[in-house]
Amino acid sequence: MYISLYRRYRPQKFSEMVGQSAAVSVLREALKEGHLGHAYLFSGPRGCGKTSAARLVAKGLNCQNLGSDGEPCGECEACNAIAQGEHLDVIEIDGASNRGINEIRDLKSHVNLKPLIAPYKVYIIDEVHMLTEAAFNALLKTLEEPPANVVFLLATTEPHKVPVTIRSRCQHIPFHRISMADMVNRVAYVCATENIQADMEAVWEISRQADGALRDALSLTEQAVSLGKGNLTLESVKALTGGSNRTELEKWVINLRLDPNESNSALHAMLGRGISVERLTESLFAVFRDLWVFSLWGEKGMEALEIS
C-alpha cells in the first residue's frame, strides 16, 4: 500500500525533528535525566511536529534501548509498535471527534489500570482544545493526580482555548512555524532521497506556500510531482496554487498604490487562474504582515518572523 510522503518522512527520532530545536532539547534532557513531567501541553501551528514529538516522547519512555542522550533507539519492539500506531499502552485520542464527557469518562475508567506491556502508559490527545467544557472538567482531576506510570501529552493549535485550569497542570512547550531555510532544506532532501528531479524555484515556492507547516509542504510536493509526471516544476506548483507566487503578490501590493488599474487586472487574472479567495487572502495577509514587520524592525523583525 502506498504511503504518503509526509507519513514516510515523519520523524522517528528526535534528531530527525525539523526546526524545533528548543522543544526537542527540553524533551530529550527530561528523558535523559528521568525527570519527565506527568503532563505536557504542546502548542503551535498545524504541521509543525507536535504529534510527532508526542510519539517520540512515548518512545523515549518505553524504549528498551534508550540512548544516554535521551534518544529512543527506533529499532526495538516498543519503538516499532509506537511508530506503527499499534502499541497497547500508547493511546492516541483525536480531541475533535472524541470531545465529549463520555469519552473522557471512558479514559478515566482505564487510566488507573497498570500498563499492559510497557513501563508507562501514554495518552496523546490531539486537538485537545476541541474538548467540551464538561470533558475538560472530567479530565481535570486525573491531570491533577495521575498514577505514577501514566503520562499525558496534549497537543493543540489553539492553546488559548484550553482552560487555564488545564494549562496550569501541564508543562507548556511551544512549537513554532518552521523557518523557510529549514523547510527548503527538508523538501530538497526528500526530493533527492526519492530521486525526484526538483526545480529549486519550485522548492522555494512550496516552502512559501506552506507557511511554516512542513506537513503541508510535503503534501503539496507530492501533488505537484504527480502533476509534473514525476518531476517537481514551478509550473506544476503554480497550477496547484493558482499561480499566486510571492513575487507576483508583492508586485500586486506595490501596484495597488502606483497603478491601481494594473493591480485590479492582476487580481482578476489571479482569480481567473483558479486560486480561491480564501487562499489569496491568506497569502496577501502574509505579505502585508512581512512588509509591516520589515518597515518597523527591518532585518531583525524578519528574523523574528522566521522563528515565530
Protein backbone atom coordinates (compact mmCIF):
# COMPACT_ATOMS: atom_id res chain seq x y z
CA MET A 1 0.00 0.00 0.00
CA TYR A 2 1.28 3.47 -0.92
CA ILE A 3 2.37 5.67 1.99
CA SER A 4 2.28 9.43 1.51
CA LEU A 5 5.48 11.47 1.75
CA TYR A 6 4.61 13.24 4.98
CA ARG A 7 3.93 9.90 6.68
CA ARG A 8 7.02 8.26 5.18
CA TYR A 9 9.23 11.08 6.42
CA ARG A 10 7.61 11.52 9.81
CA PRO A 11 10.43 11.82 12.39
CA GLN A 12 11.25 8.51 14.07
CA LYS A 13 13.94 10.02 16.30
CA PHE A 14 14.39 13.41 17.95
CA SER A 15 17.38 14.03 15.68
CA GLU A 16 15.02 13.91 12.69
CA MET A 17 12.76 16.69 14.01
CA VAL A 18 12.96 19.78 11.80
CA GLY A 19 13.05 23.34 13.13
CA GLN A 20 12.10 22.66 16.77
CA SER A 21 15.49 22.57 18.48
CA ALA A 22 14.37 24.20 21.75
CA ALA A 23 11.39 21.87 22.28
CA VAL A 24 13.47 18.83 21.33
CA SER A 25 16.27 19.80 23.73
CA VAL A 26 13.84 20.16 26.64
CA LEU A 27 12.21 16.78 25.99
CA ARG A 28 15.44 14.87 25.39
CA GLU A 29 17.01 16.30 28.53
CA ALA A 30 13.95 15.32 30.59
CA LEU A 31 14.10 11.76 29.22
CA LYS A 32 17.86 11.59 29.73
CA GLU A 33 17.63 12.68 33.36
CA GLY A 34 14.45 10.71 34.08
CA HIS A 35 12.63 13.89 35.06
CA LEU A 36 9.76 13.86 32.58
CA GLY A 37 6.61 15.50 33.93
CA HIS A 38 3.24 13.78 34.18
CA ALA A 39 1.50 16.13 31.71
CA TYR A 40 2.65 18.30 28.81
CA LEU A 41 0.84 20.73 26.54
CA PHE A 42 2.39 21.06 23.07
CA SER A 43 1.09 24.14 21.26
CA GLY A 44 1.85 25.54 17.83
CA PRO A 45 0.61 25.88 14.24
CA ARG A 46 -0.53 22.88 12.23
CA GLY A 47 2.02 20.59 10.64
CA CYS A 48 4.99 21.68 12.76
CA GLY A 49 5.68 18.41 14.60
CA LYS A 50 3.59 18.43 17.80
CA THR A 51 2.09 14.95 17.39
CA SER A 52 5.38 13.54 16.09
CA ALA A 53 7.13 14.88 19.19
CA ALA A 54 4.47 13.32 21.42
CA ARG A 55 5.07 9.93 19.81
CA LEU A 56 8.81 10.35 20.29
CA VAL A 57 8.27 11.06 23.99
CA ALA A 58 6.16 7.88 24.19
CA LYS A 59 9.04 6.02 22.53
CA GLY A 60 11.56 7.51 24.94
CA LEU A 61 9.51 6.43 27.95
CA ASN A 62 9.09 2.86 26.74
CA CYS A 63 12.20 2.27 24.60
CA GLN A 64 14.09 -0.87 25.54
CA ASN A 65 17.44 0.64 24.47
CA LEU A 66 17.17 4.35 25.27
CA GLY A 67 20.36 6.23 24.40
CA SER A 68 22.40 8.08 27.01
CA ASP A 69 21.36 11.32 25.26
CA GLY A 70 17.63 10.62 25.68
CA GLU A 71 17.24 9.40 22.09
CA PRO A 72 14.98 6.35 21.55
CA CYS A 73 16.66 3.62 19.51
CA GLY A 74 13.88 3.44 16.92
CA GLU A 75 14.51 -0.27 16.43
CA CYS A 76 13.23 -2.14 19.49
CA GLU A 77 9.82 -3.79 19.68
CA ALA A 78 8.31 -0.87 21.61
CA CYS A 79 9.64 1.80 19.22
CA ASN A 80 8.39 -0.09 16.18
CA ALA A 81 4.95 -0.67 17.70
CA ILE A 82 4.59 3.03 18.57
CA ALA A 83 5.74 4.06 15.07
CA GLN A 84 3.06 1.79 13.58
CA GLY A 85 0.39 3.07 15.98
CA GLU A 86 -0.04 -0.42 17.41
CA HIS A 87 1.39 -0.14 20.93
CA LEU A 88 -1.15 -1.24 23.52
CA ASP A 89 0.00 1.28 26.14
CA VAL A 90 0.19 4.34 23.87
CA ILE A 91 -3.33 5.61 23.35
CA GLU A 92 -3.94 8.35 20.77
CA ILE A 93 -7.20 10.28 21.01
CA ASP A 94 -8.49 12.77 18.45
CA GLY A 95 -9.99 15.57 20.52
CA ALA A 96 -12.02 16.81 17.57
CA SER A 97 -14.04 13.61 17.16
CA ASN A 98 -13.87 12.30 20.76
CA ARG A 99 -14.68 15.53 22.54
CA GLY A 100 -17.49 14.63 24.91
CA ILE A 101 -17.61 13.77 28.59
CA ASN A 102 -18.41 10.10 27.88
CA GLU A 103 -15.11 9.62 26.04
CA ILE A 104 -13.16 11.22 28.90
CA ARG A 105 -15.05 9.11 31.45
CA ASP A 106 -14.04 6.04 29.47
CA LEU A 107 -10.43 7.24 29.59
CA LYS A 108 -10.67 7.75 33.36
CA SER A 109 -12.05 4.26 33.87
CA HIS A 110 -8.88 2.78 32.33
CA VAL A 111 -6.23 5.24 33.49
CA ASN A 112 -5.65 3.55 36.86
CA LEU A 113 -5.07 0.14 35.29
CA LYS A 114 -1.42 -0.87 35.06
CA PRO A 115 0.28 -0.72 31.64
CA LEU A 116 -0.16 -3.98 29.77
CA ILE A 117 3.34 -4.47 28.37
CA ALA A 118 5.40 -1.31 28.92
CA PRO A 119 6.79 0.73 31.84
CA TYR A 120 4.50 3.68 31.03
CA LYS A 121 1.01 4.21 29.72
CA VAL A 122 0.93 7.32 27.49
CA TYR A 123 -2.19 9.23 26.45
CA ILE A 124 -1.77 11.53 23.44
CA ILE A 125 -4.78 13.84 22.99
CA ASP A 126 -4.58 15.75 19.71
CA GLU A 127 -6.54 18.98 19.14
CA VAL A 128 -7.31 19.00 22.85
CA HIS A 129 -8.91 22.45 22.63
CA MET A 130 -11.89 20.80 20.91
CA LEU A 131 -12.99 19.02 24.11
CA THR A 132 -16.23 20.23 25.66
CA GLU A 133 -16.27 22.12 28.96
CA ALA A 134 -17.70 19.07 30.70
CA ALA A 135 -14.95 16.88 29.23
CA PHE A 136 -12.26 19.30 30.44
CA ASN A 137 -13.78 19.27 33.92
CA ALA A 138 -13.77 15.47 33.94
CA LEU A 139 -10.12 15.42 32.82
CA LEU A 140 -9.02 17.96 35.43
CA LYS A 141 -8.84 15.64 38.45
CA THR A 142 -6.95 12.99 36.50
CA LEU A 143 -4.36 15.54 35.38
CA GLU A 144 -4.04 16.79 38.94
CA GLU A 145 -3.30 13.38 40.48
CA PRO A 146 -2.38 10.88 37.75
CA PRO A 147 -0.97 7.43 38.51
CA ALA A 148 2.84 7.36 38.67
CA ASN A 149 3.22 5.37 35.46
CA VAL A 150 0.87 7.49 33.30
CA VAL A 151 1.88 10.48 31.15
CA PHE A 152 -0.50 12.82 29.33
CA LEU A 153 0.65 14.61 26.16
CA LEU A 154 -1.85 17.20 24.94
CA ALA A 155 -1.44 18.91 21.56
CA THR A 156 -3.27 21.97 20.26
CA THR A 157 -3.14 24.64 17.59
CA GLU A 158 -5.16 26.99 19.82
CA PRO A 159 -3.80 26.99 23.39
CA HIS A 160 -5.94 29.99 24.37
CA LYS A 161 -8.99 27.72 24.07
CA VAL A 162 -7.61 25.29 26.64
CA PRO A 163 -8.91 26.24 30.11
CA VAL A 164 -6.31 27.81 32.38
CA THR A 165 -7.03 25.10 34.97
CA ILE A 166 -5.80 22.50 32.45
CA ARG A 167 -2.85 24.59 31.25
CA SER A 168 -1.65 25.18 34.81
CA ARG A 169 -1.40 21.43 35.41
CA CYS A 170 0.76 20.86 32.33
CA GLN A 171 4.27 21.81 31.35
CA HIS A 172 3.72 24.03 28.31
CA ILE A 173 6.12 23.56 25.40
CA PRO A 174 5.59 25.89 22.41
CA PHE A 175 6.32 24.72 18.87
CA HIS A 176 6.98 27.28 16.14
CA ARG A 177 6.43 27.74 12.43
CA ILE A 178 9.28 26.04 10.61
CA SER A 179 11.65 28.55 9.03
CA MET A 180 11.95 28.93 5.26
CA ALA A 181 15.56 27.71 5.33
CA ASP A 182 14.67 24.53 7.25
CA MET A 183 11.63 23.95 5.03
CA VAL A 184 13.61 24.33 1.79
CA ASN A 185 16.35 22.01 3.05
CA ARG A 186 13.85 19.34 4.09
CA VAL A 187 11.82 19.43 0.86
CA ALA A 188 15.04 19.31 -1.18
CA TYR A 189 16.28 16.38 0.93
CA VAL A 190 13.04 14.44 0.44
CA CYS A 191 13.15 15.05 -3.32
CA ALA A 192 16.78 13.90 -3.53
CA THR A 193 16.05 10.79 -1.45
CA GLU A 194 13.05 9.93 -3.65
CA ASN A 195 15.07 10.58 -6.86
CA ILE A 196 12.69 13.39 -7.85
CA GLN A 197 14.09 15.94 -10.29
CA ALA A 198 13.31 19.17 -8.45
CA ASP A 199 13.43 22.76 -9.67
CA MET A 200 14.76 24.83 -6.73
CA GLU A 201 12.34 27.64 -7.61
CA ALA A 202 9.54 25.13 -7.12
CA VAL A 203 11.02 24.03 -3.78
CA TRP A 204 11.15 27.65 -2.59
CA GLU A 205 7.61 28.33 -3.78
CA ILE A 206 6.27 25.25 -1.99
CA SER A 207 8.04 26.35 1.19
CA ARG A 208 6.47 29.81 0.92
CA GLN A 209 3.00 28.42 0.27
CA ALA A 210 3.24 26.03 3.24
CA ASP A 211 3.74 28.97 5.63
CA GLY A 212 5.72 27.10 8.25
CA ALA A 213 3.84 23.78 8.06
CA LEU A 214 6.16 21.01 6.87
CA ARG A 215 3.30 18.53 6.54
CA ASP A 216 1.58 20.91 4.10
CA ALA A 217 4.84 21.36 2.19
CA LEU A 218 5.29 17.62 1.68
CA SER A 219 1.64 17.16 0.71
CA LEU A 220 1.94 19.95 -1.87
CA THR A 221 5.21 18.45 -3.11
CA GLU A 222 3.52 15.10 -3.65
CA GLN A 223 0.66 16.65 -5.60
CA ALA A 224 3.00 18.79 -7.71
CA VAL A 225 5.19 15.78 -8.56
CA SER A 226 2.12 13.84 -9.71
CA LEU A 227 1.07 16.79 -11.86
CA GLY A 228 4.63 17.18 -13.19
CA LYS A 229 4.79 13.49 -14.19
CA GLY A 230 7.49 12.58 -11.70
CA ASN A 231 9.31 15.93 -11.64
CA LEU A 232 8.86 18.92 -9.37
CA THR A 233 8.46 22.03 -11.51
CA LEU A 234 7.45 25.61 -10.79
CA GLU A 235 4.68 25.30 -13.38
CA SER A 236 3.07 22.36 -11.57
CA VAL A 237 3.25 24.21 -8.24
CA LYS A 238 1.65 27.30 -9.81
CA ALA A 239 -1.08 25.15 -11.33
CA LEU A 240 -1.93 23.76 -7.89
CA THR A 241 -1.81 27.06 -6.03
CA GLY A 242 -3.48 29.20 -8.69
CA GLY A 243 -0.20 30.78 -9.72
CA SER A 244 -0.08 33.39 -7.00
CA ASN A 245 3.60 33.18 -6.12
CA ARG A 246 5.19 35.50 -3.60
CA THR A 247 6.84 37.75 -6.22
CA GLU A 248 3.54 38.26 -8.02
CA LEU A 249 1.74 39.16 -4.80
CA GLU A 250 4.42 41.64 -3.76
CA LYS A 251 4.20 43.28 -7.19
CA TRP A 252 0.42 43.48 -6.78
CA VAL A 253 0.80 45.26 -3.43
CA ILE A 254 3.22 47.80 -4.92
CA ASN A 255 0.93 48.47 -7.90
CA LEU A 256 -2.00 48.93 -5.55
CA ARG A 257 -0.66 52.44 -4.91
CA LEU A 258 1.31 53.15 -8.10
CA ASP A 259 -1.05 51.73 -10.72
CA PRO A 260 -4.49 50.73 -9.32
CA ASN A 261 -5.82 49.72 -12.75
CA GLU A 262 -2.92 47.33 -13.35
CA SER A 263 -3.35 45.97 -9.83
CA ASN A 264 -7.04 45.34 -10.47
CA SER A 265 -6.25 43.50 -13.71
CA ALA A 266 -3.65 41.35 -11.94
CA LEU A 267 -6.16 40.46 -9.23
CA HIS A 268 -8.72 39.32 -11.82
CA ALA A 269 -6.01 37.31 -13.57
CA MET A 270 -5.07 35.50 -10.35
CA LEU A 271 -8.71 34.70 -9.59
CA GLY A 272 -9.19 33.59 -13.19
CA ARG A 273 -6.43 31.01 -12.79
CA GLY A 274 -8.49 29.31 -10.10
CA ILE A 275 -6.93 30.46 -6.84
CA SER A 276 -9.52 30.52 -4.07
CA VAL A 277 -10.38 33.82 -2.42
CA GLU A 278 -9.53 32.26 0.95
CA ARG A 279 -6.03 31.20 -0.15
CA LEU A 280 -5.41 34.53 -1.87
CA THR A 281 -6.45 36.39 1.28
CA GLU A 282 -4.16 34.25 3.46
CA SER A 283 -1.23 34.81 1.09
CA LEU A 284 -1.82 38.56 0.95
CA PHE A 285 -2.08 38.70 4.73
CA ALA A 286 1.37 37.07 4.95
CA VAL A 287 2.80 39.63 2.50
CA PHE A 288 1.28 42.60 4.36
CA ARG A 289 2.46 41.14 7.69
CA ASP A 290 6.03 40.77 6.45
CA LEU A 291 6.09 44.25 4.90
CA TRP A 292 4.73 45.79 8.10
CA VAL A 293 7.24 43.97 10.30
CA PHE A 294 10.10 44.91 7.98
CA SER A 295 9.04 48.58 7.94
CA LEU A 296 9.10 48.69 11.75
CA TRP A 297 12.06 46.49 12.68
CA GLY A 298 13.98 45.74 9.49
CA GLU A 299 16.04 42.55 9.24
CA LYS A 300 15.69 41.81 12.97
CA GLY A 301 11.93 41.73 12.56
CA MET A 302 12.17 39.29 9.66
CA GLU A 303 14.48 37.05 11.72
CA ALA A 304 11.87 37.05 14.49
CA LEU A 305 9.18 36.01 11.98
CA GLU A 306 11.32 33.07 10.90
CA ILE A 307 11.30 31.58 14.42
CA SER A 308 7.76 32.57 15.46
